[in-house]
PDB file of N, CA and C in Angstrom:
ATOM      1  N   MET A   1      41.495 -42.206  -9.561  1.00  0.00           N
ATOM      2  CA  MET A   1      41.839 -43.757  -8.660  1.00  0.00           C
ATOM      3  C   MET A   1      42.038 -43.146  -6.990  1.00  0.00           C
ATOM      4  N   THR A   2      41.578 -44.199  -6.286  1.00  0.00           N
ATOM      5  CA  THR A   2      41.274 -43.813  -4.627  1.00  0.00           C
ATOM      6  C   THR A   2      42.369 -44.878  -4.007  1.00  0.00           C
ATOM      7  N   MET A   3      43.139 -44.084  -3.333  1.00  0.00           N
ATOM      8  CA  MET A   3      43.859 -45.040  -2.379  1.00  0.00           C
ATOM      9  C   MET A   3      43.542 -44.449  -0.834  1.00  0.00           C
ATOM     10  N   LEU A   4      43.454 -45.409  -0.186  1.00  0.00           N
ATOM     11  CA  LEU A   4      43.510 -45.354   1.314  1.00  0.00           C
ATOM     12  C   LEU A   4      44.850 -45.890   2.245  1.00  0.00           C
ATOM     13  N   ILE A   5      45.459 -44.800   2.673  1.00  0.00           N
ATOM     14  CA  ILE A   5      46.943 -45.203   2.825  1.00  0.00           C
ATOM     15  C   ILE A   5      46.914 -44.879   4.817  1.00  0.00           C
ATOM     16  N   VAL A   6      47.425 -45.553   5.278  1.00  0.00           N
ATOM     17  CA  VAL A   6      47.249 -45.473   7.080  1.00  0.00           C
ATOM     18  C   VAL A   6      48.718 -45.499   7.077  1.00  0.00           C
ATOM     19  N   THR A   7      49.339 -44.169   7.682  1.00  0.00           N
ATOM     20  CA  THR A   7      50.627 -43.995   8.281  1.00  0.00           C
ATOM     21  C   THR A   7      50.987 -43.240   9.575  1.00  0.00           C
ATOM     22  N   HIS A   8      52.229 -43.381   9.884  1.00  0.00           N
ATOM     23  CA  HIS A   8      52.246 -42.149  10.667  1.00  0.00           C
ATOM     24  C   HIS A   8      53.413 -41.293  10.204  1.00  0.00           C
ATOM     25  N   GLU A   9      53.792 -41.335   8.762  1.00  0.00           N
ATOM     26  CA  GLU A   9      54.563 -40.447   8.203  1.00  0.00           C
ATOM     27  C   GLU A   9      53.914 -39.053   8.118  1.00  0.00           C
ATOM     28  N   VAL A  10      54.064 -38.210   8.880  1.00  0.00           N
ATOM     29  CA  VAL A  10      53.105 -37.209   8.606  1.00  0.00           C
ATOM     30  C   VAL A  10      53.697 -36.393   7.665  1.00  0.00           C
ATOM     31  N   ARG A  11      55.069 -36.261   7.269  1.00  0.00           N
ATOM     32  CA  ARG A  11      55.068 -35.381   5.941  1.00  0.00           C
ATOM     33  C   ARG A  11      55.026 -36.248   4.863  1.00  0.00           C
ATOM     34  N   PHE A  12      54.824 -37.383   5.064  1.00  0.00           N
ATOM     35  CA  PHE A  12      54.294 -38.117   3.715  1.00  0.00           C
ATOM     36  C   PHE A  12      53.273 -37.760   3.138  1.00  0.00           C
ATOM     37  N   ALA A  13      52.238 -37.883   4.526  1.00  0.00           N
ATOM     38  CA  ALA A  13      51.351 -37.636   4.404  1.00  0.00           C
ATOM     39  C   ALA A  13      50.558 -36.258   3.532  1.00  0.00           C
ATOM     40  N   ARG A  14      51.299 -35.207   4.667  1.00  0.00           N
ATOM     41  CA  ARG A  14      51.055 -33.919   4.126  1.00  0.00           C
ATOM     42  C   ARG A  14      51.674 -33.396   2.500  1.00  0.00           C
ATOM     43  N   ASP A  15      52.187 -34.152   1.890  1.00  0.00           N
ATOM     44  CA  ASP A  15      52.878 -34.317   0.511  1.00  0.00           C
ATOM     45  C   ASP A  15      51.801 -34.814  -0.206  1.00  0.00           C
ATOM     46  N   VAL A  16      51.217 -35.932   0.125  1.00  0.00           N
ATOM     47  CA  VAL A  16      50.556 -36.478  -0.961  1.00  0.00           C
ATOM     48  C   VAL A  16      48.732 -36.621  -0.758  1.00  0.00           C
ATOM     49  N   ALA A  17      48.580 -36.208   0.793  1.00  0.00           N
ATOM     50  CA  ALA A  17      47.046 -36.631   0.789  1.00  0.00           C
ATOM     51  C   ALA A  17      46.334 -35.469   0.381  1.00  0.00           C
ATOM     52  N   GLY A  18      45.025 -35.772  -0.019  1.00  0.00           N
ATOM     53  CA  GLY A  18      44.060 -35.003  -0.558  1.00  0.00           C
ATOM     54  C   GLY A  18      42.783 -34.703   0.567  1.00  0.00           C
ATOM     55  N   ARG A  19      42.981 -35.778   1.302  1.00  0.00           N
ATOM     56  CA  ARG A  19      42.075 -35.871   2.372  1.00  0.00           C
ATOM     57  C   ARG A  19      43.048 -36.444   3.696  1.00  0.00           C
ATOM     58  N   VAL A  20      42.524 -36.025   4.997  1.00  0.00           N
ATOM     59  CA  VAL A  20      43.243 -36.118   6.231  1.00  0.00           C
ATOM     60  C   VAL A  20      42.228 -36.671   7.643  1.00  0.00           C
ATOM     61  N   VAL A  21      42.633 -37.978   7.739  1.00  0.00           N
ATOM     62  CA  VAL A  21      41.339 -38.540   9.007  1.00  0.00           C
ATOM     63  C   VAL A  21      42.476 -38.690  10.077  1.00  0.00           C
ATOM     64  N   PHE A  22      42.384 -37.866  10.857  1.00  0.00           N
ATOM     65  CA  PHE A  22      42.881 -37.786  12.155  1.00  0.00           C
ATOM     66  C   PHE A  22      42.464 -38.712  13.413  1.00  0.00           C
ATOM     67  N   MET A  23      42.938 -39.818  13.648  1.00  0.00           N
ATOM     68  CA  MET A  23      42.214 -40.784  14.618  1.00  0.00           C
ATOM     69  C   MET A  23      43.022 -40.833  15.911  1.00  0.00           C
ATOM     70  N   ASP A  24      42.606 -40.774  17.254  1.00  0.00           N
ATOM     71  CA  ASP A  24      43.088 -40.663  18.435  1.00  0.00           C
ATOM     72  C   ASP A  24      42.406 -41.696  19.750  1.00  0.00           C
ATOM     73  N   GLY A  25      42.433 -42.665  20.182  1.00  0.00           N
ATOM     74  CA  GLY A  25      41.771 -43.379  21.009  1.00  0.00           C
ATOM     75  C   GLY A  25      40.499 -44.614  20.122  1.00  0.00           C
ATOM     76  N   GLY A  26      41.047 -44.386  19.043  1.00  0.00           N
ATOM     77  CA  GLY A  26      39.872 -45.263  18.136  1.00  0.00           C
ATOM     78  C   GLY A  26      38.675 -44.398  17.524  1.00  0.00           C
ATOM     79  N   MET A  27      38.732 -42.794  17.788  1.00  0.00           N
ATOM     80  CA  MET A  27      37.728 -42.025  17.317  1.00  0.00           C
ATOM     81  C   MET A  27      38.442 -40.782  16.596  1.00  0.00           C
ATOM     82  N   VAL A  28      37.167 -40.678  15.086  1.00  0.00           N
ATOM     83  CA  VAL A  28      38.164 -39.370  14.356  1.00  0.00           C
ATOM     84  C   VAL A  28      37.490 -38.445  15.157  1.00  0.00           C
ATOM     85  N   LEU A  29      39.110 -37.790  15.271  1.00  0.00           N
ATOM     86  CA  LEU A  29      38.812 -36.369  15.521  1.00  0.00           C
ATOM     87  C   LEU A  29      38.707 -35.341  14.389  1.00  0.00           C
ATOM     88  N   GLU A  30      39.470 -35.698  13.630  1.00  0.00           N
ATOM     89  CA  GLU A  30      39.265 -34.526  11.953  1.00  0.00           C
ATOM     90  C   GLU A  30      39.595 -35.356  10.848  1.00  0.00           C
ATOM     91  N   ASP A  31      38.361 -34.724  10.072  1.00  0.00           N
ATOM     92  CA  ASP A  31      38.402 -35.606   8.930  1.00  0.00           C
ATOM     93  C   ASP A  31      38.164 -33.919   8.228  1.00  0.00           C
ATOM     94  N   THR A  32      39.330 -33.791   7.190  1.00  0.00           N
ATOM     95  CA  THR A  32      39.479 -32.487   6.747  1.00  0.00           C
ATOM     96  C   THR A  32      40.268 -32.790   5.469  1.00  0.00           C
ATOM     97  N   THR A  33      40.460 -31.604   4.608  1.00  0.00           N
ATOM     98  CA  THR A  33      41.670 -32.003   3.320  1.00  0.00           C
ATOM     99  C   THR A  33      42.815 -31.549   4.123  1.00  0.00           C
ATOM    100  N   SER A  34      43.758 -31.819   3.382  1.00  0.00           N
ATOM    101  CA  SER A  34      44.848 -31.688   3.914  1.00  0.00           C
ATOM    102  C   SER A  34      45.521 -30.115   4.200  1.00  0.00           C
ATOM    103  N   GLN A  35      45.293 -29.076   3.401  1.00  0.00           N
ATOM    104  CA  GLN A  35      45.672 -27.866   3.683  1.00  0.00           C
ATOM    105  C   GLN A  35      44.847 -26.895   5.218  1.00  0.00           C
ATOM    106  N   PRO A  36      44.055 -27.345   5.262  1.00  0.00           N
ATOM    107  CA  PRO A  36      43.645 -26.752   6.434  1.00  0.00           C
ATOM    108  C   PRO A  36      43.763 -27.760   7.595  1.00  0.00           C
ATOM    109  N   PHE A  37      44.097 -29.036   7.512  1.00  0.00           N
ATOM    110  CA  PHE A  37      44.690 -29.802   8.974  1.00  0.00           C
ATOM    111  C   PHE A  37      46.206 -29.697   9.089  1.00  0.00           C
ATOM    112  N   PHE A  38      46.889 -29.285   8.002  1.00  0.00           N
ATOM    113  CA  PHE A  38      48.374 -28.733   8.582  1.00  0.00           C
ATOM    114  C   PHE A  38      48.701 -27.381   8.499  1.00  0.00           C
ATOM    115  N   GLY A  39      47.655 -26.282   8.415  1.00  0.00           N
ATOM    116  CA  GLY A  39      47.741 -24.947   8.254  1.00  0.00           C
ATOM    117  C   GLY A  39      46.791 -24.746   9.384  1.00  0.00           C
ATOM    118  N   GLU A  40      45.712 -24.589   9.383  1.00  0.00           N
ATOM    119  CA  GLU A  40      45.086 -24.007  10.653  1.00  0.00           C
ATOM    120  C   GLU A  40      44.159 -24.949  11.173  1.00  0.00           C
ATOM    121  N   GLN A  41      44.656 -25.572  12.129  1.00  0.00           N
ATOM    122  CA  GLN A  41      43.780 -26.894  12.428  1.00  0.00           C
ATOM    123  C   GLN A  41      42.740 -26.305  13.577  1.00  0.00           C
ATOM    124  N   SER A  42      41.634 -27.019  13.907  1.00  0.00           N
ATOM    125  CA  SER A  42      40.598 -26.402  14.953  1.00  0.00           C
ATOM    126  C   SER A  42      40.652 -27.665  15.944  1.00  0.00           C
ATOM    127  N   SER A  43      41.208 -28.436  15.636  1.00  0.00           N
ATOM    128  CA  SER A  43      41.436 -29.423  17.150  1.00  0.00           C
ATOM    129  C   SER A  43      42.614 -28.804  18.109  1.00  0.00           C
ATOM    130  N   GLU A  44      42.658 -28.851  19.133  1.00  0.00           N
ATOM    131  CA  GLU A  44      43.466 -28.611  20.400  1.00  0.00           C
ATOM    132  C   GLU A  44      44.675 -30.201  20.012  1.00  0.00           C
ATOM    133  N   ARG A  45      43.604 -31.032  19.895  1.00  0.00           N
ATOM    134  CA  ARG A  45      44.660 -32.325  20.313  1.00  0.00           C
ATOM    135  C   ARG A  45      45.755 -32.853  18.777  1.00  0.00           C
ATOM    136  N   VAL A  46      44.852 -32.053  17.592  1.00  0.00           N
ATOM    137  CA  VAL A  46      46.104 -32.003  16.371  1.00  0.00           C
ATOM    138  C   VAL A  46      46.826 -31.214  16.367  1.00  0.00           C
ATOM    139  N   ARG A  47      46.421 -29.544  17.016  1.00  0.00           N
ATOM    140  CA  ARG A  47      48.006 -28.985  17.353  1.00  0.00           C
ATOM    141  C   ARG A  47      48.684 -29.747  18.257  1.00  0.00           C
ATOM    142  N   GLN A  48      48.616 -30.003  19.514  1.00  0.00           N
ATOM    143  CA  GLN A  48      49.302 -31.083  20.274  1.00  0.00           C
ATOM    144  C   GLN A  48      50.455 -32.287  19.690  1.00  0.00           C
ATOM    145  N   PHE A  49      49.748 -32.921  18.754  1.00  0.00           N
ATOM    146  CA  PHE A  49      50.239 -34.005  17.827  1.00  0.00           C
ATOM    147  C   PHE A  49      51.303 -33.290  16.835  1.00  0.00           C
ATOM    148  N   LEU A  50      50.743 -32.447  15.920  1.00  0.00           N
ATOM    149  CA  LEU A  50      51.569 -31.800  15.109  1.00  0.00           C
ATOM    150  C   LEU A  50      53.083 -30.702  16.017  1.00  0.00           C
ATOM    151  N   ASN A  51      52.581 -30.994  16.950  1.00  0.00           N
ATOM    152  CA  ASN A  51      53.504 -29.938  17.747  1.00  0.00           C
ATOM    153  C   ASN A  51      54.760 -30.569  18.191  1.00  0.00           C
ATOM    154  N   LEU A  52      54.701 -32.057  18.455  1.00  0.00           N
ATOM    155  CA  LEU A  52      55.340 -32.981  19.113  1.00  0.00           C
ATOM    156  C   LEU A  52      56.407 -33.408  17.722  1.00  0.00           C
ATOM    157  N   ILE A  53      56.192 -33.214  16.585  1.00  0.00           N
ATOM    158  CA  ILE A  53      56.609 -33.800  15.585  1.00  0.00           C
ATOM    159  C   ILE A  53      57.517 -32.658  14.844  1.00  0.00           C
ATOM    160  N   GLU A  54      58.717 -32.864  14.215  1.00  0.00           N
ATOM    161  CA  GLU A  54      59.051 -31.878  12.901  1.00  0.00           C
ATOM    162  C   GLU A  54      58.319 -32.563  11.457  1.00  0.00           C
ATOM    163  N   ILE A  55      57.449 -31.151  10.857  1.00  0.00           N
ATOM    164  CA  ILE A  55      56.793 -31.704   9.692  1.00  0.00           C
ATOM    165  C   ILE A  55      57.296 -30.607   8.873  1.00  0.00           C
TER     166      ILE A  55
END
C-alpha cells in the first residue's frame, strides 16, 4: 500500500516516511529517502529548515 501524506510535522515524517519530498516556494528541492534527508542533507536549504525545528 502506498500513502501520500503532506505534513509539517517533521518528527512524524522522520518516523514513518520511506521517502521525503521537500518543497520550498512551490519547487521540489529534495526528493530522497528519509535516512539521507534527516541525516546528511545535501541541500543548504534543508539544513536551514531542520535547524529551525527540534527533531
